[in-house]
């Protein structure tokens, strides 16, 4: 740590930016958080509307395996996560007076399941630590100015410039732009010669060309306890049939593979606990109305029946229907638009960053969170990645560098 307190700017008030502010302020640095919106943590609050997964209770090795990205540096990423892992996240929440619990599937929630109590206490702590919050301030550019970095910021009074010792950029990807993650930072960094991998829909629903008949019957129907495959990849869980296609954790987790396919499709086993032979046996003497019989005898949902009917037409035998139920191929026409997805892939290329997440071409400028080219499924892994990179970038900006030359 330097003897003179560092003057640090954080651009972006999401989880990564706020964690960077917290650890930097804890070293004695003067920290200013700039955000283009009227308040911080807006995406954090949206993520917590249906229950906030702050992390996942998985052991470290399977935890690390959830992350991917173009040229993701395995050793470096492991160090990022190990320095602020799921145990550390639980202790952090506890330090705010928030107890957590883990579900059988590994998702870790605050006891209230909501984001607002955590955010309120977190912001209060940051203010008590001396962090200055400047809202409705839009970052426009930066320039190297001797040993410091000059920021160009726009606010309601106009455009101004301000010097800092270090900058942490934590502006998110391009999902949920109403919360502030607009991706407008991409051309700014590209003008500085920084390579940015294209931002794409990651954790998102995928569109299917449902007919009106299918939509009328199947919209809002859940598909429980199914196996979803793409090639050799398997995800187990639940999908929801929507007016435009399918949503749910299994298809979110398969998004990276689906994006690489010229003709993306998934294969669903609607009855993974039964063999084809067992299903046929349960159909017994049925000789007609196989969809109706399957709903009664196999507990096959109306939604699954509607999908199969659209894709395969009328069925003339129990054997035929059983084979389809065990391996129903569903073509996908593409991911949902980027402005409504949970998260994005792409971002600042790893070759542009050193071991401390500093931009090699812009010394003392660091990146954190979804701005960097990594992705992960929902279930707590996204949040953990944002906190871990914010933790690293904040410490490095304050000249506490746990990874440099390691």
Protein backbone atom coordinates (compact mmCIF):
# COMPACT_ATOMS: atom_id res chain seq x y z
CA UNK A 1 0.00 0.00 0.00
CA UNK A 2 1.31 3.46 -0.84
CA UNK A 3 2.00 5.90 2.01
CA UNK A 4 -0.17 8.61 0.44
CA UNK A 5 -3.88 7.74 0.14
CA UNK A 6 -4.87 7.07 -3.44
CA UNK A 7 -7.60 9.07 -5.14
CA UNK A 8 -9.71 6.50 -6.98
CA UNK A 9 -12.74 6.78 -9.25
CA UNK A 10 -15.19 3.92 -9.73
CA UNK A 11 -17.30 4.17 -12.89
CA UNK A 12 -20.46 2.15 -12.32
CA UNK A 13 -22.42 1.46 -9.15
CA UNK A 14 -23.28 -2.20 -9.63
CA UNK A 15 -21.99 -5.11 -7.51
CA UNK A 16 -18.51 -5.07 -9.07
CA UNK A 17 -18.11 -1.32 -8.72
CA UNK A 18 -19.42 -1.17 -5.17
CA UNK A 19 -17.16 -4.03 -4.08
CA UNK A 20 -14.18 -2.27 -5.68
CA UNK A 21 -15.13 0.90 -3.81
CA UNK A 22 -15.45 -0.98 -0.54
CA UNK A 23 -12.04 -2.67 -0.61
CA UNK A 24 -10.29 0.45 -1.92
CA UNK A 25 -11.84 2.65 0.77
CA UNK A 26 -10.81 0.10 3.41
CA UNK A 27 -7.15 0.81 2.52
CA UNK A 28 -7.65 4.50 3.26
CA UNK A 29 -8.09 5.57 -0.37
CA UNK A 30 -10.34 8.46 -1.31
CA UNK A 31 -13.06 6.84 -3.45
CA UNK A 32 -15.66 8.44 -5.70
CA UNK A 33 -18.37 6.35 -7.35
CA UNK A 34 -19.83 7.81 -10.55
CA UNK A 35 -23.03 6.40 -12.00
CA UNK A 36 -25.18 7.61 -14.90
CA UNK A 37 -28.40 6.72 -13.04
CA UNK A 38 -30.01 8.51 -10.07
CA UNK A 39 -29.04 5.69 -7.69
CA UNK A 40 -26.63 2.75 -7.50
CA UNK A 41 -27.36 -0.96 -7.55
CA UNK A 42 -30.28 -0.87 -9.97
CA UNK A 43 -29.41 -4.11 -11.72
CA UNK A 44 -28.69 -5.65 -8.31
CA UNK A 45 -32.25 -4.80 -7.28
CA UNK A 46 -33.75 -6.15 -10.51
CA UNK A 47 -31.81 -9.40 -10.08
CA UNK A 48 -33.25 -9.74 -6.60
CA UNK A 49 -36.91 -9.27 -7.49
CA UNK A 50 -37.59 -12.99 -7.61
CA UNK A 51 -34.99 -13.89 -5.00
CA UNK A 52 -31.36 -12.82 -4.91
CA UNK A 53 -28.73 -15.53 -5.47
CA UNK A 54 -25.63 -13.95 -3.99
CA UNK A 55 -23.48 -17.02 -4.59
CA UNK A 56 -23.57 -20.82 -4.79
CA UNK A 57 -22.48 -23.36 -2.18
CA UNK A 58 -20.68 -25.62 -4.68
CA UNK A 59 -17.15 -26.78 -3.82
CA UNK A 60 -14.36 -24.77 -5.41
CA UNK A 61 -13.52 -27.08 -8.33
CA UNK A 62 -17.07 -27.45 -9.69
CA UNK A 63 -17.58 -23.76 -8.91
CA UNK A 64 -14.67 -22.70 -11.15
CA UNK A 65 -15.87 -24.98 -13.94
CA UNK A 66 -19.02 -22.87 -14.32
CA UNK A 67 -17.09 -20.00 -15.91
CA UNK A 68 -16.12 -19.61 -19.54
CA UNK A 69 -15.07 -17.00 -22.05
CA UNK A 70 -12.79 -16.55 -25.03
CA UNK A 71 -9.20 -17.08 -23.85
CA UNK A 72 -10.32 -17.06 -20.21
CA UNK A 73 -7.02 -17.46 -18.30
CA UNK A 74 -7.67 -20.45 -16.07
CA UNK A 75 -4.93 -19.87 -13.48
CA UNK A 76 -5.64 -16.16 -13.20
CA UNK A 77 -9.39 -16.70 -12.94
CA UNK A 78 -8.95 -19.30 -10.23
CA UNK A 79 -6.92 -16.77 -8.23
CA UNK A 80 -9.61 -14.13 -8.69
CA UNK A 81 -12.29 -16.47 -7.31
CA UNK A 82 -10.11 -17.93 -4.56
CA UNK A 83 -9.34 -14.44 -3.26
CA UNK A 84 -13.05 -13.78 -2.76
CA UNK A 85 -14.92 -17.08 -2.86
CA UNK A 86 -18.39 -18.19 -1.80
CA UNK A 87 -17.31 -18.52 1.84
CA UNK A 88 -16.01 -14.94 1.78
CA UNK A 89 -19.30 -13.83 0.24
CA UNK A 90 -21.24 -15.38 3.10
CA UNK A 91 -19.01 -13.67 5.66
CA UNK A 92 -19.41 -10.37 3.83
CA UNK A 93 -23.22 -10.64 3.97
CA UNK A 94 -22.98 -11.58 7.66
CA UNK A 95 -20.88 -8.48 8.30
CA UNK A 96 -23.84 -6.45 7.02
CA UNK A 97 -26.14 -8.25 9.46
CA UNK A 98 -27.60 -10.43 6.70
CA UNK A 99 -27.81 -14.18 7.32
CA UNK A 100 -27.84 -16.52 4.33
CA UNK A 101 -29.04 -20.02 3.54
CA UNK A 102 -28.35 -22.51 0.77
CA UNK A 103 -30.98 -24.51 -1.09
CA UNK A 104 -30.57 -28.17 -1.95
CA UNK A 105 -29.49 -27.07 -5.43
CA UNK A 106 -26.70 -24.91 -4.04
CA UNK A 107 -28.18 -21.45 -4.55
CA UNK A 108 -27.34 -19.14 -1.64
CA UNK A 109 -29.94 -16.53 -0.66
CA UNK A 110 -30.12 -13.85 2.02
CA UNK A 111 -32.74 -14.78 4.62
CA UNK A 112 -35.06 -12.09 3.32
CA UNK A 113 -34.44 -13.33 -0.27
CA UNK A 114 -34.50 -9.68 -1.34
CA UNK A 115 -31.75 -7.39 -2.55
CA UNK A 116 -32.96 -4.09 -1.07
CA UNK A 117 -31.93 -4.72 2.58
CA UNK A 118 -28.41 -5.71 1.52
CA UNK A 119 -28.05 -2.72 -0.80
CA UNK A 120 -29.27 -0.24 1.83
CA UNK A 121 -26.83 -1.49 4.46
CA UNK A 122 -24.01 -1.73 1.92
CA UNK A 123 -24.43 1.85 0.72
CA UNK A 124 -24.69 3.04 4.31
CA UNK A 125 -21.41 1.29 5.13
CA UNK A 126 -19.71 2.83 2.08
CA UNK A 127 -20.87 6.31 3.04
CA UNK A 128 -19.55 5.77 6.57
CA UNK A 129 -16.23 4.73 5.03
CA UNK A 130 -16.09 8.06 3.24
CA UNK A 131 -17.06 6.92 -0.26
CA UNK A 132 -18.46 9.82 -2.29
CA UNK A 133 -21.41 9.02 -4.58
CA UNK A 134 -21.92 11.16 -7.67
CA UNK A 135 -25.18 10.16 -9.37
CA UNK A 136 -26.47 11.23 -12.79
CA UNK A 137 -22.87 11.47 -13.95
CA UNK A 138 -22.14 9.93 -17.35
CA UNK A 139 -18.58 8.86 -18.15
CA UNK A 140 -17.47 10.16 -21.56
CA UNK A 141 -13.73 9.44 -21.87
CA UNK A 142 -10.39 9.38 -20.11
CA UNK A 143 -6.85 10.47 -20.89
CA UNK A 144 -3.44 9.75 -19.41
CA UNK A 145 -2.18 12.92 -17.71
CA UNK A 146 1.30 12.46 -16.30
CA UNK A 147 1.04 10.00 -13.42
CA UNK A 148 -2.73 10.47 -13.15
CA UNK A 149 -5.80 9.75 -15.25
CA UNK A 150 -8.11 12.55 -16.34
CA UNK A 151 -11.77 11.64 -16.53
CA UNK A 152 -14.28 13.43 -18.72
CA UNK A 153 -17.71 13.38 -17.07
CA UNK A 154 -21.08 14.81 -18.06
CA UNK A 155 -23.66 15.88 -15.50
CA UNK A 156 -26.67 18.20 -15.57
CA UNK A 157 -24.42 21.22 -15.09
CA UNK A 158 -22.35 20.28 -18.13
CA UNK A 159 -19.10 18.47 -18.96
CA UNK A 160 -16.13 18.60 -16.58
CA UNK A 161 -12.73 16.95 -16.17
CA UNK A 162 -11.23 15.52 -13.00
CA UNK A 163 -7.92 13.79 -12.22
CA UNK A 164 -7.54 10.54 -10.31
CA UNK A 165 -4.67 8.23 -9.42
CA UNK A 166 -6.58 5.19 -10.64
CA UNK A 167 -9.87 4.29 -12.28
CA UNK A 168 -12.00 1.16 -12.00
CA UNK A 169 -14.40 0.67 -14.90
CA UNK A 170 -17.38 -1.44 -13.83
CA UNK A 171 -20.22 -0.54 -16.18
CA UNK A 172 -21.63 -3.99 -16.87
CA UNK A 173 -22.45 -5.51 -20.23
CA UNK A 174 -25.45 -4.55 -22.34
CA UNK A 175 -28.36 -6.34 -20.67
CA UNK A 176 -31.18 -4.50 -18.88
CA UNK A 177 -30.08 -1.09 -20.24
CA UNK A 178 -32.72 0.68 -18.14
CA UNK A 179 -30.59 -0.16 -15.12
CA UNK A 180 -27.52 1.48 -16.69
CA UNK A 181 -25.84 -1.45 -18.47
CA UNK A 182 -25.96 0.06 -21.95
CA UNK A 183 -22.65 -1.02 -23.45
CA UNK A 184 -21.94 2.60 -24.47
CA UNK A 185 -18.42 2.18 -23.09
CA UNK A 186 -17.44 -0.18 -25.93
CA UNK A 187 -16.63 2.43 -28.62
CA UNK A 188 -14.84 4.59 -26.04
CA UNK A 189 -12.40 1.83 -25.15
CA UNK A 190 -12.06 0.79 -28.79
CA UNK A 191 -10.95 4.34 -29.63
CA UNK A 192 -8.11 3.76 -27.16
CA UNK A 193 -7.08 0.63 -29.04
CA UNK A 194 -8.67 -1.81 -26.58
CA UNK A 195 -10.05 -5.02 -28.10
CA UNK A 196 -13.61 -5.72 -26.98
CA UNK A 197 -15.23 -9.03 -27.84
CA UNK A 198 -18.75 -8.51 -29.19
CA UNK A 199 -21.39 -8.33 -26.49
CA UNK A 200 -24.03 -11.03 -27.03
CA UNK A 201 -27.05 -12.41 -25.22
CA UNK A 202 -25.88 -14.98 -22.65
CA UNK A 203 -28.28 -16.05 -19.89
CA UNK A 204 -31.45 -15.66 -21.88
CA UNK A 205 -34.51 -17.25 -23.37
CA UNK A 206 -34.38 -18.71 -26.86
CA UNK A 207 -36.99 -18.21 -29.51
CA UNK A 208 -38.99 -20.99 -31.13
CA UNK A 209 -41.39 -20.63 -34.05
CA UNK A 210 -44.50 -21.65 -32.16
CA UNK A 211 -47.73 -21.75 -34.09
CA UNK A 212 -50.73 -19.90 -32.76
CA UNK A 213 -52.26 -23.26 -31.82
CA UNK A 214 -49.21 -24.22 -29.75
CA UNK A 215 -49.04 -20.82 -28.11
CA UNK A 216 -52.68 -20.92 -27.04
CA UNK A 217 -52.25 -24.29 -25.35
CA UNK A 218 -48.68 -24.10 -24.08
CA UNK A 219 -47.84 -20.50 -23.15
CA UNK A 220 -46.86 -20.21 -19.47
CA UNK A 221 -46.76 -24.00 -19.05
CA UNK A 222 -43.73 -25.27 -17.09
CA UNK A 223 -41.76 -28.30 -18.17
CA UNK A 224 -40.72 -29.92 -14.88
CA UNK A 225 -37.87 -32.34 -14.20
CA UNK A 226 -36.56 -32.59 -17.74
CA UNK A 227 -33.17 -33.34 -19.29
CA UNK A 228 -32.01 -30.84 -21.91
CA UNK A 229 -29.15 -31.74 -24.23
CA UNK A 230 -27.08 -29.92 -26.81
CA UNK A 231 -24.67 -32.41 -28.31
CA UNK A 232 -22.90 -34.07 -25.38
CA UNK A 233 -23.84 -31.33 -22.90
CA UNK A 234 -26.63 -32.09 -20.46
CA UNK A 235 -28.57 -29.77 -18.18
CA UNK A 236 -31.26 -30.90 -15.76
CA UNK A 237 -34.05 -28.72 -14.45
CA UNK A 238 -37.13 -26.86 -15.55
CA UNK A 239 -38.06 -24.74 -18.56
CA UNK A 240 -40.99 -22.39 -19.05
CA UNK A 241 -42.82 -22.21 -22.37
CA UNK A 242 -43.29 -18.56 -23.32
CA UNK A 243 -45.08 -16.85 -26.17
CA UNK A 244 -41.77 -16.57 -28.02
CA UNK A 245 -39.98 -19.78 -27.02
CA UNK A 246 -38.35 -21.20 -23.90
CA UNK A 247 -36.88 -19.75 -20.71
CA UNK A 248 -35.09 -21.36 -17.80
CA UNK A 249 -31.79 -22.29 -16.20
CA UNK A 250 -31.02 -25.34 -18.40
CA UNK A 251 -31.20 -23.35 -21.62
CA UNK A 252 -29.31 -20.44 -20.04
CA UNK A 253 -26.44 -22.78 -19.19
CA UNK A 254 -26.33 -24.10 -22.76
CA UNK A 255 -26.28 -20.67 -24.40
CA UNK A 256 -22.58 -20.61 -25.22
CA UNK A 257 -22.80 -23.84 -27.23
CA UNK A 258 -26.07 -22.79 -28.87
CA UNK A 259 -24.53 -19.53 -30.07
CA UNK A 260 -21.84 -21.47 -31.94
CA UNK A 261 -24.37 -23.59 -33.86
CA UNK A 262 -25.42 -22.65 -37.38
CA UNK A 263 -28.81 -24.25 -36.71
CA UNK A 264 -29.26 -24.27 -32.91
CA UNK A 265 -31.50 -26.89 -31.39
CA UNK A 266 -32.04 -28.64 -28.10
CA UNK A 267 -33.09 -32.22 -27.39
CA UNK A 268 -35.45 -32.70 -24.45
CA UNK A 269 -36.12 -35.89 -22.54
CA UNK A 270 -39.51 -35.13 -21.00
CA UNK A 271 -39.51 -38.35 -18.93
CA UNK A 272 -35.91 -39.04 -17.90
CA UNK A 273 -36.84 -41.54 -15.18
CA UNK A 274 -38.58 -43.87 -17.64
CA UNK A 275 -37.23 -45.96 -20.51
CA UNK A 276 -39.02 -46.16 -23.84
CA UNK A 277 -40.05 -49.70 -22.99
CA UNK A 278 -41.50 -48.64 -19.66
CA UNK A 279 -43.51 -45.84 -21.26
CA UNK A 280 -44.89 -48.17 -23.90
CA UNK A 281 -45.85 -50.69 -21.21
CA UNK A 282 -47.67 -47.99 -19.21
CA UNK A 283 -49.70 -47.12 -22.31
CA UNK A 284 -51.09 -50.69 -22.12
CA UNK A 285 -53.98 -51.24 -24.54
CA UNK A 286 -54.36 -47.65 -25.85
CA UNK A 287 -54.80 -47.58 -29.63
CA UNK A 288 -55.81 -43.97 -30.25
CA UNK A 289 -55.82 -40.49 -28.68
CA UNK A 290 -52.19 -41.01 -27.70
CA UNK A 291 -51.63 -37.43 -26.52
CA UNK A 292 -54.66 -37.64 -24.24
CA UNK A 293 -53.54 -41.03 -22.97
CA UNK A 294 -49.98 -39.79 -22.40
CA UNK A 295 -51.29 -36.97 -20.20
CA UNK A 296 -53.20 -39.51 -18.11
CA UNK A 297 -50.77 -42.41 -18.01
CA UNK A 298 -47.37 -40.71 -18.29
CA UNK A 299 -48.33 -37.41 -16.66
CA UNK A 300 -47.00 -35.72 -19.80
CA UNK A 301 -47.84 -32.01 -19.58
CA UNK A 302 -50.15 -30.20 -21.98
CA UNK A 303 -47.22 -27.99 -22.93
CA UNK A 304 -45.05 -30.95 -23.91
CA UNK A 305 -47.93 -32.44 -25.89
CA UNK A 306 -48.48 -29.18 -27.75
CA UNK A 307 -44.79 -28.92 -28.68
CA UNK A 308 -44.64 -32.52 -29.88
CA UNK A 309 -47.87 -32.15 -31.86
CA UNK A 310 -46.51 -29.07 -33.66
CA UNK A 311 -43.11 -30.58 -34.44
CA UNK A 312 -44.09 -34.18 -35.19
CA UNK A 313 -47.76 -34.06 -36.12
CA UNK A 314 -50.29 -36.69 -35.13
CA UNK A 315 -48.89 -39.84 -33.53
CA UNK A 316 -50.09 -43.30 -34.55
CA UNK A 317 -48.44 -45.50 -31.91
CA UNK A 318 -47.30 -45.52 -28.30
CA UNK A 319 -43.84 -46.61 -29.46
CA UNK A 320 -43.50 -43.57 -31.73
CA UNK A 321 -44.64 -41.14 -29.05
CA UNK A 322 -42.36 -42.71 -26.41
CA UNK A 323 -39.32 -42.31 -28.66
CA UNK A 324 -40.17 -38.64 -29.25
CA UNK A 325 -40.84 -37.98 -25.55
CA UNK A 326 -37.37 -39.35 -24.75
CA UNK A 327 -35.61 -37.29 -27.45
CA UNK A 328 -37.71 -34.38 -28.68
CA UNK A 329 -35.70 -32.15 -31.02
CA UNK A 330 -36.71 -28.50 -30.83
CA UNK A 331 -35.19 -26.07 -33.37
CA UNK A 332 -34.39 -22.61 -32.01
CA UNK A 333 -34.51 -19.50 -34.15
CA UNK A 334 -32.19 -17.42 -31.95
CA UNK A 335 -31.65 -15.83 -28.52
CA UNK A 336 -33.83 -13.09 -27.13
CA UNK A 337 -32.80 -9.47 -27.76
CA UNK A 338 -29.81 -8.35 -25.74
CA UNK A 339 -31.67 -5.56 -23.93
CA UNK A 340 -33.92 -8.03 -22.07
CA UNK A 341 -31.49 -10.82 -21.18
CA UNK A 342 -30.05 -11.52 -17.74
CA UNK A 343 -26.43 -11.13 -18.75
CA UNK A 344 -24.14 -10.81 -21.75
CA UNK A 345 -21.08 -12.61 -23.00
CA UNK A 346 -18.13 -10.78 -24.55
CA UNK A 347 -16.39 -7.72 -23.20
CA UNK A 348 -12.83 -6.53 -22.74
CA UNK A 349 -10.51 -9.19 -24.15
CA UNK A 350 -8.28 -10.96 -21.63
CA UNK A 351 -5.17 -10.15 -23.66
CA UNK A 352 -5.80 -6.48 -22.86
CA UNK A 353 -5.60 -7.07 -19.09
CA UNK A 354 -2.73 -7.85 -16.77
CA UNK A 355 -2.96 -10.17 -13.77
CA UNK A 356 -4.51 -7.35 -11.70
CA UNK A 357 -7.22 -6.58 -14.30
CA UNK A 358 -5.41 -3.41 -15.35
CA UNK A 359 -5.61 -2.36 -19.00
CA UNK A 360 -2.09 -2.77 -20.37
CA UNK A 361 -2.56 0.14 -22.78
CA UNK A 362 -4.02 2.39 -20.08
CA UNK A 363 -1.93 2.11 -16.90
CA UNK A 364 -3.89 2.60 -13.65
CA UNK A 365 -7.19 1.87 -15.40
CA UNK A 366 -8.81 -1.37 -14.21
CA UNK A 367 -11.85 -3.36 -15.32
CA UNK A 368 -14.30 -5.40 -13.26
CA UNK A 369 -17.55 -7.30 -13.57
CA UNK A 370 -19.43 -8.03 -16.78
CA UNK A 371 -17.28 -5.60 -18.76
CA UNK A 372 -14.69 -8.38 -18.96
CA UNK A 373 -15.10 -11.34 -21.34
CA UNK A 374 -16.34 -14.03 -18.97
CA UNK A 375 -19.73 -15.61 -18.53
CA UNK A 376 -21.43 -17.97 -16.12
CA UNK A 377 -24.87 -19.49 -15.59
CA UNK A 378 -27.37 -18.11 -13.11
CA UNK A 379 -27.57 -19.60 -9.64
CA UNK A 380 -25.12 -17.32 -7.84
CA UNK A 381 -22.14 -17.69 -10.18
CA UNK A 382 -22.74 -14.40 -12.00
CA UNK A 383 -22.87 -12.43 -8.78
CA UNK A 384 -19.77 -14.15 -7.40
CA UNK A 385 -17.81 -13.32 -10.56
CA UNK A 386 -18.78 -9.65 -10.29
CA UNK A 387 -17.80 -9.45 -6.63
CA UNK A 388 -14.53 -11.32 -7.16
CA UNK A 389 -13.36 -9.13 -10.04
CA UNK A 390 -14.46 -5.99 -8.22
CA UNK A 391 -12.50 -7.17 -5.20
CA UNK A 392 -9.35 -7.68 -7.28
CA UNK A 393 -9.64 -4.44 -9.23
CA UNK A 394 -10.34 -2.37 -6.12
CA UNK A 395 -7.33 -3.76 -4.27
CA UNK A 396 -5.08 -3.28 -7.28
CA UNK A 397 -6.26 0.30 -7.84
CA UNK A 398 -5.39 1.00 -4.20
CA UNK A 399 -1.96 -0.58 -4.83
CA UNK A 400 -2.72 -3.71 -2.83
CA UNK A 401 -1.71 -6.18 -5.52
CA UNK A 402 -2.13 -9.82 -4.51
CA UNK A 403 -1.68 -11.26 -7.99
CA UNK A 404 1.13 -9.23 -9.57
CA UNK A 405 4.08 -11.43 -10.52
CA UNK A 406 2.45 -14.52 -8.97
